[in-house]
Protein backbone atom coordinates (compact mmCIF):
# COMPACT_ATOMS: atom_id res chain seq x y z
CA MET A 1 -15.10 -16.39 0.55
CA THR A 2 -14.13 -12.74 0.96
CA SER A 3 -16.56 -9.93 1.66
CA VAL A 4 -16.94 -6.15 1.75
CA ASN A 5 -16.02 -6.39 5.42
CA ASP A 6 -12.70 -8.05 4.51
CA ALA A 7 -11.99 -5.28 2.01
CA ALA A 8 -12.82 -2.61 4.58
CA LYS A 9 -10.55 -4.20 7.20
CA LEU A 10 -7.60 -4.44 4.82
CA SER A 11 -7.98 -0.88 3.50
CA HIS A 12 -8.37 0.55 7.02
CA ALA A 13 -5.30 -1.36 8.21
CA VAL A 14 -3.20 0.02 5.34
CA LEU A 15 -4.27 3.62 5.93
CA ALA A 16 -3.83 3.17 9.69
CA ASN A 17 -0.21 2.23 8.91
CA SER A 18 -0.46 -1.07 10.78
CA ARG A 19 1.65 -3.79 9.22
CA ASP A 20 0.65 -6.27 11.92
CA LEU A 21 -3.02 -5.92 11.00
CA VAL A 22 -2.26 -6.10 7.27
CA ASP A 23 -0.23 -9.27 7.80
CA MET A 24 -2.97 -10.77 9.95
CA TYR A 25 -5.70 -10.17 7.35
CA LEU A 26 -3.49 -11.52 4.56
CA GLU A 27 -2.68 -14.62 6.62
CA GLN A 28 -6.41 -15.10 7.22
CA GLY A 29 -6.90 -15.31 3.45
CA THR A 30 -7.89 -11.80 2.39
CA PRO A 31 -6.60 -11.44 -1.20
CA PRO A 32 -4.09 -8.56 -1.58
CA ASP A 33 -5.96 -7.43 -4.71
CA ILE A 34 -9.45 -7.64 -3.18
CA GLN A 35 -11.96 -5.27 -4.80
CA LEU A 36 -12.15 -2.03 -2.76
CA GLY A 37 -14.83 -0.35 -4.85
CA ASP A 38 -17.41 -0.72 -2.09
CA VAL A 39 -15.26 0.71 0.69
CA ILE A 40 -13.43 3.65 -0.92
CA PRO A 41 -15.71 6.71 -0.58
CA CYS A 42 -16.95 8.63 -3.59
CA ILE A 43 -15.85 12.26 -3.86
CA GLY A 44 -19.48 13.37 -3.81
CA ASP A 45 -20.04 11.65 -0.46
CA VAL A 46 -17.24 13.41 1.41
CA ALA A 47 -16.96 16.85 -0.23
CA LYS A 48 -18.25 19.67 1.98
CA MET A 49 -19.49 23.03 0.75
CA GLY A 50 -18.17 26.03 2.65
CA ALA A 51 -19.83 29.39 3.24
CA ASP A 52 -18.12 30.72 0.11
CA GLY A 53 -19.65 27.95 -1.98
CA ALA A 54 -16.32 26.15 -2.47
CA PHE A 55 -16.06 22.41 -1.89
CA THR A 56 -13.37 21.00 0.39
CA ILE A 57 -12.40 17.51 1.49
CA PRO A 58 -11.83 16.65 5.19
CA ASP A 59 -8.13 16.51 6.06
CA HIS A 60 -8.24 12.83 7.03
CA ILE A 61 -9.43 11.77 3.57
CA LEU A 62 -6.43 10.74 1.44
CA VAL A 63 -8.16 9.07 -1.50
CA THR A 64 -11.63 8.78 -3.00
CA LYS A 65 -13.28 7.44 -6.12
CA CYS A 66 -14.19 9.89 -8.90
CA ASN A 67 -17.67 8.43 -9.18
CA THR A 68 -19.99 5.86 -7.63
CA LEU A 69 -18.87 2.96 -9.85
CA ARG A 70 -17.18 0.00 -8.12
CA CYS A 71 -14.79 -0.72 -10.97
CA GLY A 72 -11.45 1.02 -11.33
CA ALA A 73 -11.11 1.86 -7.64
CA PRO A 74 -7.62 1.89 -6.09
CA THR A 75 -6.26 -1.38 -4.71
CA ALA A 76 -4.66 -1.96 -1.32
CA LEU A 77 -1.28 -1.53 -3.04
CA HIS A 78 -2.32 1.91 -4.32
CA LEU A 79 -3.35 2.80 -0.76
CA ALA A 80 -0.02 1.52 0.58
CA VAL A 81 1.88 3.76 -1.86
CA ILE A 82 -0.20 6.76 -0.77
CA ASN A 83 0.41 5.86 2.87
CA CYS A 84 4.17 5.78 2.26
CA TYR A 85 3.98 9.23 0.68
CA GLN A 86 2.19 10.63 3.71
CA GLN A 87 4.44 8.86 6.22
CA GLY A 88 7.43 10.27 4.33
CA ARG A 89 6.57 13.69 5.72
CA SER A 90 8.45 12.89 8.90
CA ASN A 91 11.78 13.31 10.61
CA ASP A 92 14.16 10.44 9.90
CA VAL A 93 16.07 11.32 13.07
CA LEU A 94 13.17 10.86 15.47
CA LYS A 95 12.82 7.21 16.47
CA GLU A 96 8.99 7.18 16.33
CA ASP A 97 8.89 8.83 12.90
CA LYS A 98 11.48 6.45 11.49
CA ALA A 99 9.47 3.52 12.85
CA SER A 100 6.33 4.81 11.13
CA ARG A 101 8.15 5.04 7.82
CA GLU A 102 9.53 1.53 8.16
CA GLU A 103 6.04 0.30 9.02
CA ALA A 104 4.63 1.90 5.86
CA LEU A 105 7.31 0.38 3.63
CA GLY A 106 6.77 -2.95 5.36
CA ILE A 107 3.10 -2.86 4.35
CA VAL A 108 4.12 -2.49 0.69
CA ARG A 109 6.45 -5.48 1.05
CA SER A 110 3.77 -7.58 2.74
CA LEU A 111 1.28 -6.91 -0.05
CA LEU A 112 3.85 -7.66 -2.75
CA ARG A 113 4.97 -10.84 -1.01
CA SER A 114 1.34 -11.95 -0.91
CA GLY A 115 1.00 -11.48 -4.66
CA ALA A 116 -0.37 -7.95 -5.08
CA ASN A 117 -0.44 -7.01 -8.77
CA THR A 118 1.69 -3.94 -9.52
CA SER A 119 0.07 -3.44 -12.94
CA THR A 120 -3.56 -3.07 -11.79
CA LEU A 121 -4.93 0.24 -13.07
CA ALA A 122 -7.14 2.59 -11.06
CA PRO A 123 -8.89 5.11 -13.34
CA ASN A 124 -11.53 5.70 -10.67
CA MET A 125 -9.22 7.42 -8.15
CA VAL A 126 -8.60 10.88 -6.73
CA VAL A 127 -5.61 11.42 -4.43
CA TYR A 128 -5.52 14.30 -1.96
CA ASN A 129 -2.93 16.20 0.05
CA VAL A 130 -0.51 16.49 -2.86
CA PRO A 131 1.23 19.89 -3.10
CA GLY A 132 0.73 21.65 -6.40
CA PHE A 133 -2.77 20.34 -6.95
CA MET A 134 -4.81 22.83 -4.95
CA GLU A 135 -8.21 23.98 -6.08
CA THR A 136 -10.57 25.74 -3.66
CA GLY A 137 -8.94 23.91 -0.78
CA ILE A 138 -8.95 20.53 -2.53
CA ILE A 139 -5.54 18.99 -3.24
CA LEU A 140 -5.88 16.22 -5.78
CA SER A 141 -4.39 14.28 -8.64
CA ARG A 142 -6.58 12.54 -11.20
CA SER A 143 -5.43 9.58 -13.24
CA PRO A 144 -5.95 9.99 -17.01
CA ALA A 145 -9.61 9.42 -17.86
CA GLY A 146 -10.21 5.91 -19.08
CA VAL A 147 -6.59 4.87 -18.67
CA GLY A 148 -5.83 4.67 -14.99
CA THR A 149 -2.69 4.64 -12.90
CA ASP A 150 -0.86 1.57 -11.66
CA SER A 151 0.99 1.55 -8.34
CA LEU A 152 4.39 2.24 -9.92
CA ASP A 153 3.11 5.22 -11.92
CA LEU A 154 1.44 6.52 -8.78
CA ALA A 155 4.66 6.23 -6.77
CA ALA A 156 6.64 8.03 -9.49
CA PHE A 157 4.02 10.79 -9.65
CA LEU A 158 4.04 11.28 -5.89
CA LYS A 159 7.84 11.40 -5.78
CA LYS A 160 7.75 14.15 -8.39
CA HIS A 161 5.39 16.10 -6.15
CA CYS A 162 7.10 15.84 -2.79
CA ASP A 163 6.31 18.64 -0.37
CA ASN A 164 8.72 21.47 -1.29
CA GLU A 165 7.61 23.51 1.72
CA SER A 166 8.42 20.75 4.17
CA CYS A 167 11.80 20.62 5.88
CA PHE A 168 11.61 16.86 5.38
CA LYS A 169 11.36 16.88 1.57
CA SER A 170 14.53 14.79 1.20
CA GLU A 171 13.15 12.15 3.59
CA GLN A 172 9.90 11.99 1.64
CA ALA A 173 11.77 11.65 -1.67
CA TYR A 174 13.97 8.90 -0.22
CA MET A 175 10.87 7.12 1.02
CA MET A 176 9.31 7.17 -2.45
CA ASP A 177 12.58 5.95 -3.98
CA SER A 178 12.42 2.97 -1.62
CA VAL A 179 8.81 2.28 -2.65
CA ILE A 180 9.69 2.50 -6.34
CA ARG A 181 12.57 0.02 -5.90
CA GLU A 182 10.23 -2.47 -4.22
CA LEU A 183 7.64 -2.11 -6.98
CA VAL A 184 10.18 -2.35 -9.80
CA GLU A 185 11.71 -5.49 -8.31
CA ALA A 186 8.26 -7.05 -7.92
CA SER A 187 7.29 -6.07 -11.48
CA SER A 188 10.51 -7.52 -12.88
CA SER A 189 10.07 -10.84 -11.13
CA ALA A 190 6.37 -11.11 -11.97
CA GLY A 191 7.08 -12.47 -15.44
CA THR A 192 9.55 -15.13 -14.38
CA PRO A 193 8.61 -18.64 -13.23
CA SER A 194 8.57 -19.00 -9.47
CA VAL A 195 8.61 -21.88 -7.04
CA PRO A 196 5.09 -22.69 -5.79
CA THR A 197 4.55 -21.25 -2.33
CA VAL A 198 1.93 -21.32 0.40
CA THR A 199 1.04 -18.76 3.04
CA VAL A 200 2.11 -19.67 6.57
CA PRO A 201 1.38 -17.91 9.86
CA LYS A 202 3.83 -15.15 10.73
CA SER A 203 4.78 -16.98 13.93
CA ALA A 204 5.87 -20.03 11.92
CA ALA A 205 7.93 -17.89 9.55
CA VAL A 206 9.71 -16.29 12.51
CA VAL A 207 10.57 -19.71 13.97
CA TRP A 208 11.83 -20.98 10.61
CA GLU A 209 14.00 -17.90 10.15
CA LYS A 210 15.58 -18.46 13.57
CA LEU A 211 16.24 -22.09 12.72
CA LEU A 212 17.81 -21.08 9.42
CA LEU A 213 20.38 -18.89 11.17
CA SER A 214 20.87 -21.13 14.19
CA GLU A 215 24.22 -22.77 14.88
CA ASP A 216 22.57 -25.26 17.24
CA PHE A 217 20.15 -26.67 14.64
CA SER A 218 22.19 -27.01 11.46
CA ASP A 219 20.53 -30.16 10.12
CA VAL A 220 16.86 -29.18 10.03
CA HIS A 221 14.60 -31.11 7.61
CA PHE A 222 11.22 -29.82 6.40
CA VAL A 223 8.82 -32.62 5.42
CA CYS A 224 6.26 -31.27 2.92
CA ALA A 225 2.68 -32.46 2.48
CA ASP A 226 3.56 -34.06 -0.88
CA GLY A 227 6.27 -36.17 0.72
CA VAL A 228 9.21 -34.04 -0.45
CA THR A 229 11.85 -33.38 2.23
CA LEU A 230 13.81 -30.16 2.15
CA HIS A 231 17.04 -29.64 4.08
């Protein structure tokens, strides 16, 4: 049984850009589409009034809910798309920046591989730090009232609004193109029958992958719980 704590851990791992943590929580059974309505802050809880009477949002806040309702909040996949957008503001030449971008894209892949729904709408969402959407220090994008934005629409919107003032605009646009390709591929395959699968620990998957490509173990048989042998 999942809890608010599970939702908080998964959302924090995504926004911390830690694929290892995301994979660990997913392997422990946290659903990729777990309800985040209780862990995403409401805009009214984080907005600060300045001396001039204008409201601003702290720089570290990337997304909030529009209101206090739990429903319609962004999913972990929405957060992963936002994280990719932010990580795209980096230098593709620097090794550490490139690693951060690959980590962010890897989080999207992990969520999709675990069954995250690309069509889930999030009408109760405000995204910050998006150039072109400034208002009294608040940079935001609202999804259409009552309609909502799915992860693919969000990725397309963010690509359209890459940071023109950044010297790394092309890297950010390329990053969002990569995200969109992953989401489109997942959306396209969602409607086709698939072979039943089960989640296995990452360590087991690594061993199996090595065996698959090994020249020393070319006749490996996998005996399944239902008695079926694969080789």
